Amino acid sequence: MTEKEKMLAGELYDCAGAELMSIWYKGKNLAQKYNNLAYEVPGYPEVSDVTKDEETIKPGDNETTPGNDNRNDTGNLMNSGTSSNSETVSNQNDETKKKITKNKPGKVKIKSVKKTKGKMKITLKKLRGVYRYQIKVSTSKKFVGKNTLTKNLKGTKAVFKKINVAKKYYVKARAYKIVEKKRLYGRWSGVVSK
């Protein structure tokens, strides 16, 4: 049985066998030839027309003539409609930032807050397209200190235990999504005191 037959049968084989190595080299050479091909794409310069630091423009492709060098009335150069790679990348980044900010969850509304027997029950108004909700409960208006509790929940109802009924508590909530493995938070709701 040859090494190739052993490999195809799922048995233990020697990958350095002459037959397998010749197949491997043929595949490697074919991939190199394929990757080194120059493709002709309309609007892009051919490989032979590109130098290391800058592109040369073929005649007829947005070329500037001595009398028409794209200057405005003050003598400054104007953009000729072509953009460099760095401008394109920054424009793409701006567009993705705009898309991400447009996709932020809306502002959550707190439907009800009820305090009874050492528990606080909070109900939120449901929002569409939200991954989870985050609720903060605190005895401080600024939501700082050791008496601040935070909960992340899937649903719109939360119960906080060990609450002192005599104390005044402040509650706020927000929604968040997961976009590109990062949490994208919406605005905090108005603060409700109970």
C-alpha atoms as a PDB file:
ATOM      1  CA  MET A   1       0.000   0.000   0.000  1.00  0.00           C
ATOM      2  CA  THR A   2       1.473   3.394  -0.989  1.00  0.00           C
ATOM      3  CA  GLU A   3       1.661   6.360   1.384  1.00  0.00           C
ATOM      4  CA  LYS A   4      -1.031   8.159  -0.638  1.00  0.00           C
ATOM      5  CA  GLU A   5      -3.395   5.206  -0.305  1.00  0.00           C
ATOM      6  CA  LYS A   6      -2.686   5.032   3.446  1.00  0.00           C
ATOM      7  CA  MET A   7      -3.471   8.765   3.773  1.00  0.00           C
ATOM      8  CA  LEU A   8      -6.747   8.442   1.868  1.00  0.00           C
ATOM      9  CA  ALA A   9      -7.729   5.381   3.920  1.00  0.00           C
ATOM     10  CA  GLY A  10      -7.186   7.322   7.143  1.00  0.00           C
ATOM     11  CA  GLU A  11      -4.303   5.157   8.310  1.00  0.00           C
ATOM     12  CA  LEU A  12      -0.933   6.235   9.664  1.00  0.00           C
ATOM     13  CA  TYR A  13       1.299   7.397   6.809  1.00  0.00           C
ATOM     14  CA  ASP A  14       4.687   9.013   6.184  1.00  0.00           C
ATOM     15  CA  CYS A  15       4.108  12.537   4.890  1.00  0.00           C
ATOM     16  CA  ALA A  16       7.692  12.749   3.594  1.00  0.00           C
ATOM     17  CA  GLY A  17       7.109   9.959   1.079  1.00  0.00           C
ATOM     18  CA  ALA A  18       8.299  10.672  -2.483  1.00  0.00           C
ATOM     19  CA  GLU A  19       4.817  10.499  -4.028  1.00  0.00           C
ATOM     20  CA  LEU A  20       3.198  12.810  -1.443  1.00  0.00           C
ATOM     21  CA  MET A  21       6.095  15.285  -1.604  1.00  0.00           C
ATOM     22  CA  SER A  22       5.819  15.541  -5.393  1.00  0.00           C
ATOM     23  CA  ILE A  23       2.066  16.265  -5.081  1.00  0.00           C
ATOM     24  CA  TRP A  24       2.779  18.844  -2.385  1.00  0.00           C
ATOM     25  CA  TYR A  25       5.369  20.642  -4.577  1.00  0.00           C
ATOM     26  CA  LYS A  26       3.001  20.662  -7.574  1.00  0.00           C
ATOM     27  CA  GLY A  27       0.300  22.263  -5.430  1.00  0.00           C
ATOM     28  CA  LYS A  28       2.723  24.803  -3.986  1.00  0.00           C
ATOM     29  CA  ASN A  29       3.993  25.823  -7.430  1.00  0.00           C
ATOM     30  CA  LEU A  30       0.462  26.098  -8.799  1.00  0.00           C
ATOM     31  CA  ALA A  31      -0.561  28.362  -5.894  1.00  0.00           C
ATOM     32  CA  GLN A  32       2.495  30.580  -6.479  1.00  0.00           C
ATOM     33  CA  LYS A  33       1.689  30.930 -10.182  1.00  0.00           C
ATOM     34  CA  TYR A  34      -1.945  31.735  -9.375  1.00  0.00           C
ATOM     35  CA  ASN A  35      -1.025  34.359  -6.761  1.00  0.00           C
ATOM     36  CA  ASN A  36       1.507  36.056  -9.045  1.00  0.00           C
ATOM     37  CA  LEU A  37      -0.941  36.584 -11.933  1.00  0.00           C
ATOM     38  CA  ALA A  38      -1.627  40.196 -12.850  1.00  0.00           C
ATOM     39  CA  TYR A  39      -5.340  40.792 -13.070  1.00  0.00           C
ATOM     40  CA  GLU A  40      -6.756  43.504 -15.275  1.00  0.00           C
ATOM     41  CA  VAL A  41      -9.474  45.308 -13.344  1.00  0.00           C
ATOM     42  CA  PRO A  42     -11.097  48.396 -14.909  1.00  0.00           C
ATOM     43  CA  GLY A  43     -10.092  51.561 -13.083  1.00  0.00           C
ATOM     44  CA  TYR A  44      -7.029  50.041 -11.396  1.00  0.00           C
ATOM     45  CA  PRO A  45      -3.509  50.369 -12.733  1.00  0.00           C
ATOM     46  CA  GLU A  46      -1.732  47.287 -13.976  1.00  0.00           C
ATOM     47  CA  VAL A  47       1.108  45.866 -11.912  1.00  0.00           C
ATOM     48  CA  SER A  48       3.699  47.202 -14.384  1.00  0.00           C
ATOM     49  CA  ASP A  49       2.329  50.761 -14.015  1.00  0.00           C
ATOM     50  CA  VAL A  50       2.744  50.954 -10.233  1.00  0.00           C
ATOM     51  CA  THR A  51       6.036  52.065  -8.758  1.00  0.00           C
ATOM     52  CA  LYS A  52       7.041  51.453  -5.157  1.00  0.00           C
ATOM     53  CA  ASP A  53       6.040  54.836  -3.677  1.00  0.00           C
ATOM     54  CA  GLU A  54       3.454  56.243  -6.084  1.00  0.00           C
ATOM     55  CA  GLU A  55       1.126  55.306  -8.890  1.00  0.00           C
ATOM     56  CA  THR A  56       1.732  56.452 -12.428  1.00  0.00           C
ATOM     57  CA  ILE A  57      -1.379  57.407 -14.315  1.00  0.00           C
ATOM     58  CA  LYS A  58      -1.974  56.197 -17.846  1.00  0.00           C
ATOM     59  CA  PRO A  59      -2.925  58.759 -20.484  1.00  0.00           C
ATOM     60  CA  GLY A  60      -6.642  59.474 -20.400  1.00  0.00           C
ATOM     61  CA  ASP A  61      -7.107  58.453 -16.745  1.00  0.00           C
ATOM     62  CA  ASN A  62      -7.789  61.733 -14.875  1.00  0.00           C
ATOM     63  CA  GLU A  63      -4.540  63.202 -16.100  1.00  0.00           C
ATOM     64  CA  THR A  64      -3.765  66.862 -15.513  1.00  0.00           C
ATOM     65  CA  THR A  65      -2.526  69.006 -18.328  1.00  0.00           C
ATOM     66  CA  PRO A  66      -0.250  72.035 -17.809  1.00  0.00           C
ATOM     67  CA  GLY A  67      -3.133  74.463 -18.380  1.00  0.00           C
ATOM     68  CA  ASN A  68      -5.568  72.549 -16.173  1.00  0.00           C
ATOM     69  CA  ASP A  69      -3.852  71.601 -12.919  1.00  0.00           C
ATOM     70  CA  ASN A  70      -6.981  71.564 -10.727  1.00  0.00           C
ATOM     71  CA  ARG A  71      -6.408  74.853  -8.905  1.00  0.00           C
ATOM     72  CA  ASN A  72      -9.151  77.036  -7.519  1.00  0.00           C
ATOM     73  CA  ASP A  73      -9.309  80.859  -7.644  1.00  0.00           C
ATOM     74  CA  THR A  74      -6.872  81.277  -4.719  1.00  0.00           C
ATOM     75  CA  GLY A  75      -4.247  79.083  -6.369  1.00  0.00           C
ATOM     76  CA  ASN A  76      -4.644  76.094  -4.028  1.00  0.00           C
ATOM     77  CA  LEU A  77      -4.883  72.600  -5.463  1.00  0.00           C
ATOM     78  CA  MET A  78      -8.343  71.060  -5.434  1.00  0.00           C
ATOM     79  CA  ASN A  79      -9.244  67.381  -5.133  1.00  0.00           C
ATOM     80  CA  SER A  80      -9.478  65.912  -8.633  1.00  0.00           C
ATOM     81  CA  GLY A  81     -12.008  63.268  -7.654  1.00  0.00           C
ATOM     82  CA  THR A  82      -9.464  60.546  -6.967  1.00  0.00           C
ATOM     83  CA  SER A  83      -8.672  59.703  -3.377  1.00  0.00           C
ATOM     84  CA  SER A  84      -5.620  58.166  -1.821  1.00  0.00           C
ATOM     85  CA  ASN A  85      -5.733  54.965   0.199  1.00  0.00           C
ATOM     86  CA  SER A  86      -5.435  56.805   3.521  1.00  0.00           C
ATOM     87  CA  GLU A  87      -8.446  58.996   2.693  1.00  0.00           C
ATOM     88  CA  THR A  88     -10.449  55.953   1.683  1.00  0.00           C
ATOM     89  CA  VAL A  89      -9.591  54.133   4.909  1.00  0.00           C
ATOM     90  CA  SER A  90     -10.504  57.160   7.034  1.00  0.00           C
ATOM     91  CA  ASN A  91     -13.788  57.527   5.137  1.00  0.00           C
ATOM     92  CA  GLN A  92     -14.561  53.848   5.730  1.00  0.00           C
ATOM     93  CA  ASN A  93     -13.791  54.269   9.443  1.00  0.00           C
ATOM     94  CA  ASP A  94     -16.109  57.292   9.595  1.00  0.00           C
ATOM     95  CA  GLU A  95     -18.863  55.298   7.891  1.00  0.00           C
ATOM     96  CA  THR A  96     -18.524  52.378  10.300  1.00  0.00           C
ATOM     97  CA  LYS A  97     -18.577  54.768  13.261  1.00  0.00           C
ATOM     98  CA  LYS A  98     -21.768  56.330  11.879  1.00  0.00           C
ATOM     99  CA  LYS A  99     -23.323  52.885  11.402  1.00  0.00           C
ATOM    100  CA  ILE A 100     -22.392  51.878  14.946  1.00  0.00           C
ATOM    101  CA  THR A 101     -23.792  55.064  16.469  1.00  0.00           C
ATOM    102  CA  LYS A 102     -26.987  54.637  14.444  1.00  0.00           C
ATOM    103  CA  ASN A 103     -27.318  51.097  15.795  1.00  0.00           C
ATOM    104  CA  LYS A 104     -27.112  52.161  19.438  1.00  0.00           C
ATOM    105  CA  PRO A 105     -30.070  51.012  21.513  1.00  0.00           C
ATOM    106  CA  GLY A 106     -32.660  53.596  22.414  1.00  0.00           C
ATOM    107  CA  LYS A 107     -33.266  55.083  25.823  1.00  0.00           C
ATOM    108  CA  VAL A 108     -34.928  52.675  28.250  1.00  0.00           C
ATOM    109  CA  LYS A 109     -38.012  53.707  30.218  1.00  0.00           C
ATOM    110  CA  ILE A 110     -38.656  52.411  33.722  1.00  0.00           C
ATOM    111  CA  LYS A 111     -42.285  51.227  33.967  1.00  0.00           C
ATOM    112  CA  SER A 112     -42.468  50.636  37.705  1.00  0.00           C
ATOM    113  CA  VAL A 113     -40.393  50.428  40.892  1.00  0.00           C
ATOM    114  CA  LYS A 114     -41.946  48.712  43.921  1.00  0.00           C
ATOM    115  CA  LYS A 115     -40.389  48.300  47.381  1.00  0.00           C
ATOM    116  CA  THR A 116     -41.816  45.643  49.718  1.00  0.00           C
ATOM    117  CA  LYS A 117     -40.403  43.529  52.588  1.00  0.00           C
ATOM    118  CA  GLY A 118     -36.701  43.994  51.846  1.00  0.00           C
ATOM    119  CA  LYS A 119     -37.102  43.587  48.064  1.00  0.00           C
ATOM    120  CA  MET A 120     -37.253  46.034  45.187  1.00  0.00           C
ATOM    121  CA  LYS A 121     -39.009  44.964  41.992  1.00  0.00           C
ATOM    122  CA  ILE A 122     -38.173  46.921  38.838  1.00  0.00           C
ATOM    123  CA  THR A 123     -39.954  46.600  35.497  1.00  0.00           C
ATOM    124  CA  LEU A 124     -38.613  48.144  32.261  1.00  0.00           C
ATOM    125  CA  LYS A 125     -40.314  48.890  28.963  1.00  0.00           C
ATOM    126  CA  LYS A 126     -39.100  46.411  26.342  1.00  0.00           C
ATOM    127  CA  LEU A 127     -36.952  47.659  23.432  1.00  0.00           C
ATOM    128  CA  ARG A 128     -36.451  45.904  20.082  1.00  0.00           C
ATOM    129  CA  GLY A 129     -33.079  44.589  18.972  1.00  0.00           C
ATOM    130  CA  VAL A 130     -31.505  44.732  22.422  1.00  0.00           C
ATOM    131  CA  TYR A 131     -29.163  42.056  23.764  1.00  0.00           C
ATOM    132  CA  ARG A 132     -29.573  42.815  27.490  1.00  0.00           C
ATOM    133  CA  TYR A 133     -30.461  45.504  30.007  1.00  0.00           C
ATOM    134  CA  GLN A 134     -28.351  46.972  32.803  1.00  0.00           C
ATOM    135  CA  ILE A 135     -29.980  48.346  35.966  1.00  0.00           C
ATOM    136  CA  LYS A 136     -28.288  50.361  38.722  1.00  0.00           C
ATOM    137  CA  VAL A 137     -29.774  50.846  42.179  1.00  0.00           C
ATOM    138  CA  SER A 138     -28.136  53.090  44.754  1.00  0.00           C
ATOM    139  CA  THR A 139     -28.723  55.135  47.874  1.00  0.00           C
ATOM    140  CA  SER A 140     -26.603  57.880  46.250  1.00  0.00           C
ATOM    141  CA  LYS A 141     -27.957  60.230  43.577  1.00  0.00           C
ATOM    142  CA  LYS A 142     -24.618  59.962  41.763  1.00  0.00           C
ATOM    143  CA  PHE A 143     -24.635  56.136  41.879  1.00  0.00           C
ATOM    144  CA  VAL A 144     -21.276  55.865  43.635  1.00  0.00           C
ATOM    145  CA  GLY A 145     -20.232  54.100  46.802  1.00  0.00           C
ATOM    146  CA  LYS A 146     -20.643  50.681  48.358  1.00  0.00           C
ATOM    147  CA  ASN A 147     -24.439  50.883  48.351  1.00  0.00           C
ATOM    148  CA  THR A 148     -24.613  50.816  44.544  1.00  0.00           C
ATOM    149  CA  LEU A 149     -25.788  47.574  42.944  1.00  0.00           C
ATOM    150  CA  THR A 150     -25.647  46.723  39.225  1.00  0.00           C
ATOM    151  CA  LYS A 151     -27.453  43.900  37.449  1.00  0.00           C
ATOM    152  CA  ASN A 152     -27.347  42.752  33.830  1.00  0.00           C
ATOM    153  CA  LEU A 153     -30.512  40.948  32.764  1.00  0.00           C
ATOM    154  CA  LYS A 154     -32.024  39.351  29.689  1.00  0.00           C
ATOM    155  CA  GLY A 155     -35.616  40.194  30.503  1.00  0.00           C
ATOM    156  CA  THR A 156     -37.291  43.405  31.558  1.00  0.00           C
ATOM    157  CA  LYS A 157     -37.914  42.493  35.209  1.00  0.00           C
ATOM    158  CA  ALA A 158     -35.407  42.524  38.069  1.00  0.00           C
ATOM    159  CA  VAL A 159     -35.590  41.904  41.799  1.00  0.00           C
ATOM    160  CA  PHE A 160     -33.027  43.385  44.198  1.00  0.00           C
ATOM    161  CA  LYS A 161     -32.944  41.717  47.639  1.00  0.00           C
ATOM    162  CA  LYS A 162     -31.707  42.952  51.033  1.00  0.00           C
ATOM    163  CA  ILE A 163     -33.165  46.419  50.481  1.00  0.00           C
ATOM    164  CA  ASN A 164     -33.813  48.648  53.475  1.00  0.00           C
ATOM    165  CA  VAL A 165     -37.427  49.801  53.091  1.00  0.00           C
ATOM    166  CA  ALA A 166     -36.838  52.923  55.219  1.00  0.00           C
ATOM    167  CA  LYS A 167     -34.048  54.254  52.953  1.00  0.00           C
ATOM    168  CA  LYS A 168     -34.561  56.167  49.717  1.00  0.00           C
ATOM    169  CA  TYR A 169     -33.170  54.404  46.611  1.00  0.00           C
ATOM    170  CA  TYR A 170     -32.404  55.739  43.130  1.00  0.00           C
ATOM    171  CA  VAL A 171     -32.832  53.590  40.031  1.00  0.00           C
ATOM    172  CA  LYS A 172     -31.650  53.987  36.433  1.00  0.00           C
ATOM    173  CA  ALA A 173     -31.379  51.588  33.504  1.00  0.00           C
ATOM    174  CA  ARG A 174     -29.929  51.269  30.007  1.00  0.00           C
ATOM    175  CA  ALA A 175     -29.890  48.717  27.208  1.00  0.00           C
ATOM    176  CA  TYR A 176     -26.937  47.338  25.289  1.00  0.00           C
ATOM    177  CA  LYS A 177     -26.111  45.352  22.167  1.00  0.00           C
ATOM    178  CA  ILE A 178     -23.076  43.337  21.179  1.00  0.00           C
ATOM    179  CA  VAL A 179     -21.472  44.791  18.020  1.00  0.00           C
ATOM    180  CA  GLU A 180     -18.185  43.333  16.772  1.00  0.00           C
ATOM    181  CA  LYS A 181     -17.599  41.629  20.142  1.00  0.00           C
ATOM    182  CA  LYS A 182     -17.982  44.916  22.033  1.00  0.00           C
ATOM    183  CA  ARG A 183     -20.846  46.196  24.154  1.00  0.00           C
ATOM    184  CA  LEU A 184     -22.659  49.136  22.631  1.00  0.00           C
ATOM    185  CA  TYR A 185     -24.616  50.926  25.371  1.00  0.00           C
ATOM    186  CA  GLY A 186     -27.657  53.119  24.945  1.00  0.00           C
ATOM    187  CA  ARG A 187     -28.413  56.213  27.043  1.00  0.00           C
ATOM    188  CA  TRP A 188     -29.339  55.893  30.697  1.00  0.00           C
ATOM    189  CA  SER A 189     -32.996  56.267  31.547  1.00  0.00           C
ATOM    190  CA  GLY A 190     -34.217  59.019  33.768  1.00  0.00           C
ATOM    191  CA  VAL A 191     -33.486  58.476  37.455  1.00  0.00           C
ATOM    192  CA  VAL A 192     -36.448  57.206  39.480  1.00  0.00           C
ATOM    193  CA  SER A 193     -36.420  57.530  43.260  1.00  0.00           C
ATOM    194  CA  LYS A 194     -38.398  55.298  45.581  1.00  0.00           C
END
